Amino acid sequence: MDPVKQALCDYIDAHAACFEAVSDEIWNFAELSLKEFKSAALYCEKLRELGFTVTENLCGIQTAFCGSYGSGRPVIGILGEYDALSGLSQKAGETNPDPLTEGGSGHGCGHNLLGAGSLAAAAAVKQYLQETGKPGTVVFYGCPGEEGGAGKAYLAREGLWKQLDAALCWHPGSVNQTTTGTNNSCIQVLYHFSGIPAHAAGDPYNGRSALDAVELMNVGVQFLREHTTPDCRIHYAITDAGGISPNVVQAKASVLYMVRANKVADSVKLQKRVDDIAKGAALMTGTTFERVFIDGTAELVPNFTIEKALYQNLSEIGVPAYDPEDYELAAALKETYNGDELKGFKAAGVDQEYMKIVTELTEKGTKPVNDFLPPLFSSTVFVPGSTDVGDVSWLTPTSQISTACWPAAVPGHSWQIVACGKSGLAHKGMIYAAKVLAATAVDLLNDEKLLEEAKAEFQQRTEGGYVCPIEPDAVPIAI
């Protein structure tokens, strides 16, 4: 291995216990989106201990922050997340559902690992800049509310990501690979309908039902579906049905809508049509409504240039050597769910030759851990789902990787992922990701041609311009 990259890896290995402890503590906090106060405080404390200059309340968001080190360009951002999911409390290491707190939260998407791994990468790059005295800046970004709140998109609205020459991120998963392709954009809006209460038998003619308005809105949207393009999706949840008394005309009712499309500009247009249906429902029922914008995200813009650099480092550093205990935990958890072991390779699903290679590597789906690195696969293929990393990718060249931190084909947002959160398997995947991000960041700092190529590709892919899904007067809201 190149001596510079070996030194980065050695630094991360030497301090692995520190970063694993941070991950475990964030796992303990299990704070929901935009409420990650303890998590943000811990990261700011660690960044200061490591010698970073810390900025809190980034762009006015309480749990957003950054830690920077160095001077001059290039400026490389490394993104961290730390929010948990509701209803996924689970004891670490247990192979059956067993919540720590009934109905509590848990890190069912591995963001405890994500943030700590990114911190480790940023710390290693900081050490490199400090020892060499070379120009360049590394910035660790604490990005709140990925699961609900779209923190990075709100930061994108303020133009924050434009100051970067490139951004790197990773996500814990069941596979080791570069993340490629694009995905859905989405927008969430909450509609609070207000009517007039009345006795449902005695004088219903004097009442105006907010629940009727919600139901009519939902019917209107059902008819809208026929007239949307195939890539569009519209989801909803009735958050307040007005109470439990059928003999009362419900004066309050609320519904939360999420609209998705491949392109963020199309999501914005579709959202306006849903708004019009809400207006119609209010007119039909004699009610009024308050429209509350929640969040929105843009689709990902891939960058094959950086994906190639990330893959080279994934390959050179090498997949971790897993212990028997890692395989035992994975095998036991695998018994608790059924799934296609290859589903983690979503972006490659359209390429039969690539999937043939992956199938052979997984020994036809028998491995409890995807303990291998498949060939590089870069594509503009569409992958369902949404992430606010997409908004970063519209403002600076951005790429991501995933590493195996839980068993093959484990369901996303599940108690099984929470159970793995403090395991050796999870820690190994996190440290692997940290090394790859650090090595790639140094590549971007030192290789002027690489960065120029990444920027040229970025300019070509984003020539249509960024449509920010966050409305001008919106503020982040924790649901």
Protein backbone atom coordinates (compact mmCIF):
# COMPACT_ATOMS: atom_id res chain seq x y z
CA MET A 1 0.00 0.00 0.00
CA ASP A 2 1.07 3.57 -0.65
CA PRO A 3 2.93 4.88 2.46
CA VAL A 4 0.62 7.89 2.80
CA LYS A 5 -2.48 5.71 2.79
CA GLN A 6 -0.86 3.20 5.08
CA ALA A 7 -0.25 6.02 7.55
CA LEU A 8 -3.92 7.04 7.33
CA CYS A 9 -4.98 3.46 8.02
CA ASP A 10 -2.51 3.14 10.88
CA TYR A 11 -3.89 6.30 12.48
CA ILE A 12 -7.46 5.04 12.26
CA ASP A 13 -6.49 1.63 13.64
CA ALA A 14 -4.59 3.24 16.51
CA HIS A 15 -7.63 5.31 17.46
CA ALA A 16 -10.30 2.79 16.51
CA ALA A 17 -11.42 2.27 20.11
CA CYS A 18 -12.16 5.99 20.44
CA PHE A 19 -14.32 6.11 17.33
CA GLU A 20 -16.08 2.87 18.19
CA ALA A 21 -16.90 4.34 21.60
CA VAL A 22 -18.41 7.40 19.92
CA SER A 23 -20.54 5.14 17.71
CA ASP A 24 -21.71 3.11 20.70
CA GLU A 25 -22.61 6.23 22.66
CA ILE A 26 -24.63 7.62 19.74
CA TRP A 27 -26.33 4.18 19.57
CA ASN A 28 -27.22 4.63 23.26
CA PHE A 29 -28.68 8.11 22.68
CA ALA A 30 -30.89 6.94 19.77
CA GLU A 31 -32.22 10.47 19.19
CA LEU A 32 -34.80 11.20 16.53
CA SER A 33 -34.40 13.58 13.60
CA LEU A 34 -33.70 17.21 14.51
CA LYS A 35 -33.71 16.25 18.21
CA GLU A 36 -30.13 14.93 18.25
CA PHE A 37 -28.94 17.33 20.96
CA LYS A 38 -26.79 14.88 22.93
CA SER A 39 -25.32 13.42 19.75
CA ALA A 40 -24.42 16.84 18.34
CA ALA A 41 -22.87 17.89 21.64
CA LEU A 42 -20.74 14.73 21.75
CA TYR A 43 -19.46 15.26 18.22
CA CYS A 44 -18.62 18.91 18.85
CA GLU A 45 -16.73 17.90 21.99
CA LYS A 46 -14.75 15.24 20.11
CA LEU A 47 -14.00 17.56 17.21
CA ARG A 48 -12.55 20.16 19.57
CA GLU A 49 -10.48 17.47 21.31
CA LEU A 50 -9.12 16.43 17.92
CA GLY A 51 -8.11 19.99 17.05
CA PHE A 52 -10.89 21.03 14.67
CA THR A 53 -12.44 24.49 14.59
CA VAL A 54 -16.11 23.94 15.38
CA THR A 55 -19.12 25.92 14.16
CA GLU A 56 -22.43 25.09 15.87
CA ASN A 57 -26.01 25.95 14.87
CA LEU A 58 -24.99 25.71 11.24
CA CYS A 59 -27.34 27.81 9.07
CA GLY A 60 -29.57 28.25 12.11
CA ILE A 61 -30.25 24.53 12.62
CA GLN A 62 -29.68 23.63 16.27
CA THR A 63 -28.26 20.15 15.74
CA ALA A 64 -26.22 20.96 12.62
CA PHE A 65 -22.52 21.77 12.97
CA CYS A 66 -19.16 21.41 11.29
CA GLY A 67 -15.54 20.98 12.29
CA SER A 68 -12.83 22.21 9.93
CA TYR A 69 -9.05 21.96 9.79
CA GLY A 70 -6.49 23.34 7.36
CA SER A 71 -6.34 26.29 5.04
CA GLY A 72 -6.82 26.96 1.37
CA ARG A 73 -8.10 24.69 -1.36
CA PRO A 74 -9.08 22.03 -2.12
CA VAL A 75 -11.84 21.92 0.49
CA ILE A 76 -13.09 18.37 1.01
CA GLY A 77 -16.26 17.73 2.99
CA ILE A 78 -16.98 14.47 4.80
CA LEU A 79 -20.62 14.02 5.77
CA GLY A 80 -21.89 12.52 9.02
CA GLU A 81 -25.39 11.58 10.23
CA TYR A 82 -26.60 10.54 13.69
CA ASP A 83 -30.41 10.37 13.83
CA ALA A 84 -32.32 7.24 14.85
CA LEU A 85 -35.75 5.81 14.02
CA SER A 86 -38.85 5.62 16.20
CA GLY A 87 -40.21 2.29 17.44
CA LEU A 88 -36.97 0.36 16.89
CA SER A 89 -35.57 0.06 20.40
CA GLN A 90 -33.64 -3.22 20.66
CA LYS A 91 -31.00 -4.73 22.92
CA ALA A 92 -27.55 -4.97 21.36
CA GLY A 93 -26.40 -8.43 20.34
CA GLU A 94 -29.78 -10.10 20.89
CA THR A 95 -31.02 -12.33 18.07
CA ASN A 96 -34.71 -12.01 18.90
CA PRO A 97 -36.85 -8.87 19.16
CA ASP A 98 -36.21 -7.52 22.65
CA PRO A 99 -36.60 -3.74 23.06
CA LEU A 100 -34.55 -1.80 25.58
CA THR A 101 -37.53 0.53 25.95
CA GLU A 102 -40.96 -0.47 24.76
CA GLY A 103 -41.86 1.81 21.87
CA GLY A 104 -38.47 3.53 22.08
CA SER A 105 -36.09 4.58 19.34
CA GLY A 106 -33.19 2.73 17.80
CA HIS A 107 -30.49 3.10 15.16
CA GLY A 108 -32.22 0.95 12.56
CA CYS A 109 -30.29 2.58 9.71
CA GLY A 110 -26.84 2.54 11.30
CA HIS A 111 -26.37 6.28 11.57
CA ASN A 112 -24.47 5.80 14.81
CA LEU A 113 -21.81 4.10 12.68
CA LEU A 114 -22.14 6.56 9.80
CA GLY A 115 -21.26 9.62 11.85
CA ALA A 116 -18.46 7.99 13.81
CA GLY A 117 -16.87 6.48 10.69
CA SER A 118 -16.93 9.84 8.94
CA LEU A 119 -15.41 11.47 12.02
CA ALA A 120 -12.60 8.91 11.97
CA ALA A 121 -11.93 9.67 8.30
CA ALA A 122 -11.88 13.42 8.89
CA ALA A 123 -9.54 13.01 11.88
CA ALA A 124 -7.10 10.96 9.80
CA VAL A 125 -7.09 13.58 7.02
CA LYS A 126 -6.58 16.31 9.61
CA GLN A 127 -3.59 14.40 10.98
CA TYR A 128 -2.17 14.13 7.46
CA LEU A 129 -2.55 17.87 6.80
CA GLN A 130 -1.04 18.71 10.17
CA GLU A 131 2.00 16.47 9.68
CA THR A 132 2.70 17.46 6.07
CA GLY A 133 1.79 21.15 6.22
CA LYS A 134 0.22 20.84 2.78
CA PRO A 135 -2.51 23.24 1.65
CA GLY A 136 -6.08 22.06 1.76
CA THR A 137 -8.98 21.88 4.18
CA VAL A 138 -11.03 19.01 5.52
CA VAL A 139 -14.49 19.66 6.97
CA PHE A 140 -16.60 17.19 8.93
CA TYR A 141 -20.27 18.08 8.63
CA GLY A 142 -22.77 17.03 11.26
CA CYS A 143 -25.96 16.62 9.23
CA PRO A 144 -29.14 16.16 11.27
CA GLY A 145 -32.50 14.82 10.27
CA GLU A 146 -31.75 12.52 7.34
CA GLU A 147 -34.62 10.23 8.32
CA GLY A 148 -37.06 13.12 8.58
CA GLY A 149 -36.17 16.77 8.23
CA ALA A 150 -33.75 16.75 5.29
CA GLY A 151 -31.02 18.65 7.10
CA LYS A 152 -28.64 18.60 4.13
CA ALA A 153 -31.33 20.00 1.84
CA TYR A 154 -31.96 22.92 4.21
CA LEU A 155 -28.20 23.53 4.22
CA ALA A 156 -28.24 23.31 0.42
CA ARG A 157 -30.89 26.04 0.29
CA GLU A 158 -28.37 28.31 2.03
CA GLY A 159 -25.71 27.40 -0.55
CA LEU A 160 -23.45 25.77 2.04
CA TRP A 161 -22.20 22.94 -0.16
CA LYS A 162 -21.02 25.30 -2.89
CA GLN A 163 -17.94 26.11 -0.83
CA LEU A 164 -16.67 22.53 -1.21
CA ASP A 165 -14.50 21.15 -4.01
CA ALA A 166 -15.92 17.68 -3.33
CA ALA A 167 -17.93 15.78 -0.72
CA LEU A 168 -17.63 12.19 0.47
CA CYS A 169 -20.07 10.08 2.40
CA TRP A 170 -20.79 6.47 3.23
CA HIS A 171 -23.64 4.41 4.57
CA PRO A 172 -23.58 1.23 6.63
CA GLY A 173 -25.17 -1.65 4.77
CA SER A 174 -24.97 -5.33 3.96
CA VAL A 175 -22.52 -4.98 1.07
CA ASN A 176 -19.12 -3.48 0.32
CA GLN A 177 -19.41 -1.33 -2.80
CA THR A 178 -19.40 2.14 -4.28
CA THR A 179 -22.84 3.72 -4.32
CA THR A 180 -23.89 4.59 -7.85
CA GLY A 181 -26.95 5.60 -9.80
CA THR A 182 -29.71 8.02 -8.91
CA ASN A 183 -32.94 7.85 -6.91
CA ASN A 184 -36.23 9.57 -6.08
CA SER A 185 -36.61 13.15 -5.10
CA CYS A 186 -39.37 13.79 -2.58
CA ILE A 187 -41.37 16.49 -0.80
CA GLN A 188 -43.37 16.24 2.45
CA VAL A 189 -46.23 18.59 3.35
CA LEU A 190 -48.61 18.42 6.30
CA TYR A 191 -52.21 19.62 5.91
CA HIS A 192 -54.14 20.66 9.05
CA PHE A 193 -57.87 20.97 8.28
CA SER A 194 -60.20 22.93 10.57
CA GLY A 195 -64.00 22.77 10.60
CA ILE A 196 -66.89 23.31 13.00
CA PRO A 197 -67.87 20.76 15.66
CA ALA A 198 -71.48 19.70 16.02
CA HIS A 199 -73.66 16.91 17.36
CA ALA A 200 -73.58 14.30 14.59
CA ALA A 201 -77.24 13.34 15.18
CA GLY A 202 -78.81 16.51 16.62
CA ASP A 203 -77.48 19.19 14.25
CA PRO A 204 -74.95 17.78 11.79
CA TYR A 205 -76.05 20.49 9.31
CA ASN A 206 -74.31 23.05 11.52
CA GLY A 207 -71.03 21.10 11.49
CA ARG A 208 -68.19 21.24 9.01
CA SER A 209 -66.11 18.07 9.10
CA ALA A 210 -62.32 18.36 8.90
CA LEU A 211 -62.18 14.57 8.63
CA ASP A 212 -64.43 14.72 5.58
CA ALA A 213 -61.95 17.15 4.06
CA VAL A 214 -59.04 14.78 4.71
CA GLU A 215 -60.93 11.85 3.22
CA LEU A 216 -62.01 13.83 0.16
CA MET A 217 -58.43 15.01 -0.31
CA ASN A 218 -57.28 11.40 -0.24
CA VAL A 219 -59.92 10.45 -2.81
CA GLY A 220 -58.84 13.34 -5.03
CA VAL A 221 -55.25 12.20 -4.88
CA GLN A 222 -56.29 8.65 -5.77
CA PHE A 223 -57.79 10.01 -8.99
CA LEU A 224 -54.65 12.08 -9.60
CA ARG A 225 -52.51 8.94 -9.68
CA GLU A 226 -53.86 7.97 -13.13
CA HIS A 227 -52.51 11.23 -14.53
CA THR A 228 -48.96 11.08 -13.20
CA THR A 229 -45.92 9.66 -14.95
CA PRO A 230 -44.83 6.11 -14.00
CA ASP A 231 -41.88 7.35 -11.92
CA CYS A 232 -44.12 9.28 -9.52
CA ARG A 233 -45.20 8.00 -6.12
CA ILE A 234 -47.62 9.61 -3.65
CA HIS A 235 -47.83 8.41 -0.03
CA TYR A 236 -49.90 9.68 2.87
CA ALA A 237 -50.56 9.15 6.56
CA ILE A 238 -53.53 10.49 8.52
CA THR A 239 -51.82 11.92 11.59
CA ASP A 240 -55.00 13.17 13.30
CA ALA A 241 -58.44 11.71 12.51
CA GLY A 242 -60.23 14.15 14.77
CA GLY A 243 -60.85 11.97 17.80
CA ILE A 244 -62.64 8.74 18.73
CA SER A 245 -66.25 9.97 18.95
CA PRO A 246 -68.34 9.11 15.87
CA ASN A 247 -71.24 11.15 17.26
CA VAL A 248 -69.23 14.37 16.93
CA VAL A 249 -68.52 16.17 13.67
CA GLN A 250 -64.73 16.29 13.75
CA ALA A 251 -63.49 19.87 13.80
CA LYS A 252 -59.79 18.96 13.41
CA ALA A 253 -58.00 16.47 11.18
CA SER A 254 -54.55 16.30 9.60
CA VAL A 255 -52.85 14.35 6.85
CA LEU A 256 -49.16 14.16 5.93
CA TYR A 257 -48.30 13.75 2.26
CA MET A 258 -45.08 12.71 0.56
CA VAL A 259 -44.74 13.03 -3.19
CA ARG A 260 -41.87 11.52 -5.15
CA ALA A 261 -40.56 11.69 -8.71
CA ASN A 262 -37.26 10.86 -10.37
CA LYS A 263 -36.46 14.56 -10.84
CA VAL A 264 -36.86 17.17 -8.14
CA ALA A 265 -38.38 19.65 -10.60
CA ASP A 266 -41.14 17.10 -11.26
CA SER A 267 -41.73 16.59 -7.53
CA VAL A 268 -42.20 20.35 -7.14
CA LYS A 269 -44.80 20.37 -9.95
CA LEU A 270 -46.60 17.33 -8.55
CA GLN A 271 -46.70 18.90 -5.09
CA LYS A 272 -48.56 21.90 -6.50
CA ARG A 273 -51.22 19.57 -7.88
CA VAL A 274 -51.63 17.95 -4.46
CA ASP A 275 -51.95 21.44 -2.93
CA ASP A 276 -54.78 22.20 -5.37
CA ILE A 277 -56.59 19.03 -4.30
CA ALA A 278 -56.33 20.16 -0.66
CA LYS A 279 -57.91 23.49 -1.65
CA GLY A 280 -60.71 21.64 -3.41
CA ALA A 281 -61.35 19.40 -0.40
CA ALA A 282 -61.64 22.47 1.82
CA LEU A 283 -64.09 24.13 -0.59
CA MET A 284 -66.24 20.99 -0.81
CA THR A 285 -66.52 20.70 2.97
CA GLY A 286 -66.65 24.34 4.02
CA THR A 287 -63.46 23.94 6.02
CA THR A 288 -60.11 25.68 6.03
CA PHE A 289 -56.62 24.27 6.17
CA GLU A 290 -53.09 25.20 7.17
CA ARG A 291 -50.33 23.98 4.87
CA VAL A 292 -47.06 23.18 6.68
CA PHE A 293 -44.01 22.41 4.55
CA ILE A 294 -41.93 19.69 6.22
CA ASP A 295 -39.00 18.80 3.98
CA GLY A 296 -37.82 17.77 0.55
CA THR A 297 -34.85 16.17 -1.14
CA ALA A 298 -33.40 16.13 -4.64
CA GLU A 299 -32.29 13.10 -6.62
CA LEU A 300 -28.66 11.96 -6.48
CA VAL A 301 -26.20 13.09 -9.13
CA PRO A 302 -23.60 10.32 -9.54
CA ASN A 303 -19.92 11.08 -10.10
CA PHE A 304 -18.15 8.18 -11.78
CA THR A 305 -14.75 9.86 -11.39
CA ILE A 306 -14.89 9.84 -7.60
CA GLU A 307 -16.61 6.44 -7.59
CA LYS A 308 -13.54 5.04 -9.36
CA ALA A 309 -11.20 6.60 -6.77
CA LEU A 310 -13.33 5.23 -3.93
CA TYR A 311 -13.31 1.78 -5.49
CA GLN A 312 -9.55 1.79 -5.90
CA ASN A 313 -9.23 2.46 -2.18
CA LEU A 314 -11.88 -0.12 -1.28
CA SER A 315 -9.79 -2.62 -3.23
CA GLU A 316 -6.35 -1.53 -2.02
CA ILE A 317 -7.29 -1.37 1.66
CA GLY A 318 -9.23 -4.62 1.45
CA VAL A 319 -12.33 -6.06 3.07
CA PRO A 320 -11.96 -6.63 6.84
CA ALA A 321 -11.17 -10.07 8.20
CA TYR A 322 -14.30 -11.05 10.13
CA ASP A 323 -14.15 -13.14 13.30
CA PRO A 324 -16.11 -16.36 13.92
CA GLU A 325 -18.29 -14.36 16.32
CA ASP A 326 -19.23 -12.00 13.48
CA TYR A 327 -20.41 -14.87 11.30
CA GLU A 328 -22.25 -16.48 14.21
CA LEU A 329 -24.20 -13.30 15.00
CA ALA A 330 -24.99 -12.76 11.32
CA ALA A 331 -26.12 -16.36 10.83
CA ALA A 332 -28.36 -16.22 13.91
CA LEU A 333 -29.97 -12.98 12.80
CA LYS A 334 -30.39 -14.31 9.29
CA GLU A 335 -32.69 -16.97 10.72
CA THR A 336 -35.10 -14.21 11.80
CA TYR A 337 -35.94 -12.93 8.32
CA ASN A 338 -36.40 -14.11 4.76
CA GLY A 339 -34.89 -12.22 1.88
CA ASP A 340 -32.91 -12.19 -1.29
CA GLU A 341 -29.26 -12.08 -0.31
CA LEU A 342 -28.51 -10.07 -3.44
CA LYS A 343 -31.01 -7.28 -2.82
CA GLY A 344 -28.31 -5.10 -1.26
CA PHE A 345 -26.81 -4.69 -4.73
CA LYS A 346 -29.78 -2.59 -5.85
CA ALA A 347 -28.02 -0.36 -8.36
CA ALA A 348 -26.57 -3.38 -10.14
CA GLY A 349 -29.89 -5.16 -10.48
CA VAL A 350 -30.31 -4.18 -14.13
CA ASP A 351 -26.96 -5.58 -15.21
CA GLN A 352 -27.16 -9.35 -15.65
CA GLU A 353 -23.43 -9.91 -16.12
CA TYR A 354 -22.61 -7.98 -12.97
CA MET A 355 -25.23 -9.84 -10.97
CA LYS A 356 -23.85 -13.14 -12.23
CA ILE A 357 -20.49 -12.22 -10.69
CA VAL A 358 -22.14 -11.14 -7.43
CA THR A 359 -24.17 -14.36 -7.30
CA GLU A 360 -21.01 -16.44 -7.61
CA LEU A 361 -19.25 -14.41 -4.93
CA THR A 362 -22.10 -14.93 -2.49
CA GLU A 363 -21.97 -18.67 -3.11
CA LYS A 364 -25.52 -18.52 -4.47
CA GLY A 365 -26.85 -16.62 -1.47
CA THR A 366 -25.52 -18.81 1.34
CA LYS A 367 -23.17 -16.37 3.06
CA PRO A 368 -24.41 -14.73 6.25
CA VAL A 369 -22.02 -11.82 5.58
CA ASN A 370 -21.14 -10.36 2.19
CA ASP A 371 -17.43 -10.53 3.01
CA PHE A 372 -16.15 -9.61 -0.44
CA LEU A 373 -15.74 -6.68 -2.81
CA PRO A 374 -17.44 -7.09 -6.21
CA PRO A 375 -16.08 -5.35 -9.32
CA LEU A 376 -16.66 -1.64 -9.81
CA PHE A 377 -20.12 -0.84 -11.15
CA SER A 378 -20.92 2.76 -12.13
CA SER A 379 -24.27 3.59 -13.66
CA THR A 380 -27.06 6.13 -13.84
CA VAL A 381 -29.55 3.37 -12.98
CA PHE A 382 -32.52 4.42 -10.83
CA VAL A 383 -32.77 3.06 -7.28
CA PRO A 384 -35.99 3.62 -5.24
CA GLY A 385 -35.87 5.68 -2.07
CA SER A 386 -34.71 9.19 -1.22
CA THR A 387 -31.81 10.83 0.60
CA ASP A 388 -30.76 14.39 1.28
CA VAL A 389 -27.25 13.55 0.07
CA GLY A 390 -28.84 14.22 -3.32
CA ASP A 391 -29.02 17.93 -2.54
CA VAL A 392 -25.31 17.98 -1.74
CA SER A 393 -24.56 16.25 -5.06
CA TRP A 394 -26.24 19.09 -7.00
CA LEU A 395 -23.86 21.68 -5.51
CA THR A 396 -20.51 19.86 -5.41
CA PRO A 397 -19.08 16.60 -6.79
CA THR A 398 -20.29 13.93 -4.37
CA SER A 399 -19.87 10.17 -4.05
CA GLN A 400 -20.54 7.49 -1.44
CA ILE A 401 -19.70 3.93 -0.52
CA SER A 402 -21.36 1.29 1.61
CA THR A 403 -19.66 -1.35 3.74
CA ALA A 404 -20.97 -4.54 5.29
CA CYS A 405 -21.98 -3.69 8.85
CA TRP A 406 -24.83 -6.19 9.21
CA PRO A 407 -25.89 -9.54 7.72
CA ALA A 408 -26.67 -10.17 4.07
CA ALA A 409 -30.14 -9.04 2.97
CA VAL A 410 -31.13 -7.78 6.41
CA PRO A 411 -34.33 -5.70 6.15
CA GLY A 412 -33.75 -1.96 6.17
CA HIS A 413 -34.92 0.04 9.18
CA SER A 414 -35.22 -3.10 11.29
CA TRP A 415 -34.55 -4.30 14.82
CA GLN A 416 -31.90 -6.64 13.39
CA ILE A 417 -29.82 -3.64 12.31
CA VAL A 418 -30.18 -2.13 15.79
CA ALA A 419 -29.07 -5.44 17.32
CA CYS A 420 -25.90 -5.32 15.18
CA GLY A 421 -25.13 -1.70 16.03
CA LYS A 422 -22.46 -2.35 18.67
CA SER A 423 -21.10 -5.60 17.25
CA GLY A 424 -17.65 -6.39 15.98
CA LEU A 425 -19.18 -6.82 12.53
CA ALA A 426 -20.51 -3.26 12.63
CA HIS A 427 -17.29 -1.79 13.99
CA LYS A 428 -15.18 -3.52 11.33
CA GLY A 429 -17.37 -2.15 8.55
CA MET A 430 -17.22 1.33 10.07
CA ILE A 431 -13.43 1.33 10.34
CA TYR A 432 -13.13 0.02 6.78
CA ALA A 433 -15.31 2.87 5.53
CA ALA A 434 -13.28 5.43 7.50
CA LYS A 435 -10.05 4.27 5.88
CA VAL A 436 -11.52 4.40 2.38
CA LEU A 437 -12.99 7.89 2.85
CA ALA A 438 -9.74 9.20 4.33
CA ALA A 439 -7.65 7.76 1.51
CA THR A 440 -9.98 9.15 -1.14
CA ALA A 441 -10.04 12.57 0.51
CA VAL A 442 -6.24 12.67 0.37
CA ASP A 443 -6.37 11.60 -3.29
CA LEU A 444 -8.63 14.58 -3.99
CA LEU A 445 -6.35 16.89 -2.02
CA ASN A 446 -3.21 15.80 -3.86
CA ASP A 447 -4.31 14.80 -7.36
CA GLU A 448 -5.21 17.95 -9.24
CA LYS A 449 -6.17 16.01 -12.37
CA LEU A 450 -8.54 13.75 -10.44
CA LEU A 451 -10.34 16.72 -8.93
CA GLU A 452 -10.53 18.51 -12.27
CA GLU A 453 -12.08 15.44 -13.89
CA ALA A 454 -14.59 15.11 -11.05
CA LYS A 455 -15.56 18.76 -11.41
CA ALA A 456 -15.88 18.51 -15.20
CA GLU A 457 -18.20 15.51 -14.84
CA PHE A 458 -20.17 17.35 -12.17
CA GLN A 459 -20.62 20.40 -14.40
CA GLN A 460 -21.86 18.23 -17.25
CA ARG A 461 -24.38 16.33 -15.14
CA THR A 462 -25.76 19.43 -13.38
CA GLU A 463 -25.90 21.82 -16.36
CA GLY A 464 -29.70 22.01 -16.00
CA GLY A 465 -29.30 23.68 -12.60
CA TYR A 466 -30.40 22.78 -9.09
CA VAL A 467 -34.06 23.04 -8.17
CA CYS A 468 -34.12 23.25 -4.38
CA PRO A 469 -37.08 21.36 -2.92
CA ILE A 470 -36.99 23.43 0.29
CA GLU A 471 -39.36 26.38 0.15
CA PRO A 472 -37.89 29.85 0.85
CA ASP A 473 -39.68 30.48 4.16
CA ALA A 474 -39.63 26.89 5.47
CA VAL A 475 -37.87 25.99 8.71
CA PRO A 476 -36.81 22.49 9.79
CA ILE A 477 -39.58 20.76 11.73
CA ALA A 478 -39.22 17.65 13.87
CA ILE A 479 -42.24 15.43 13.38
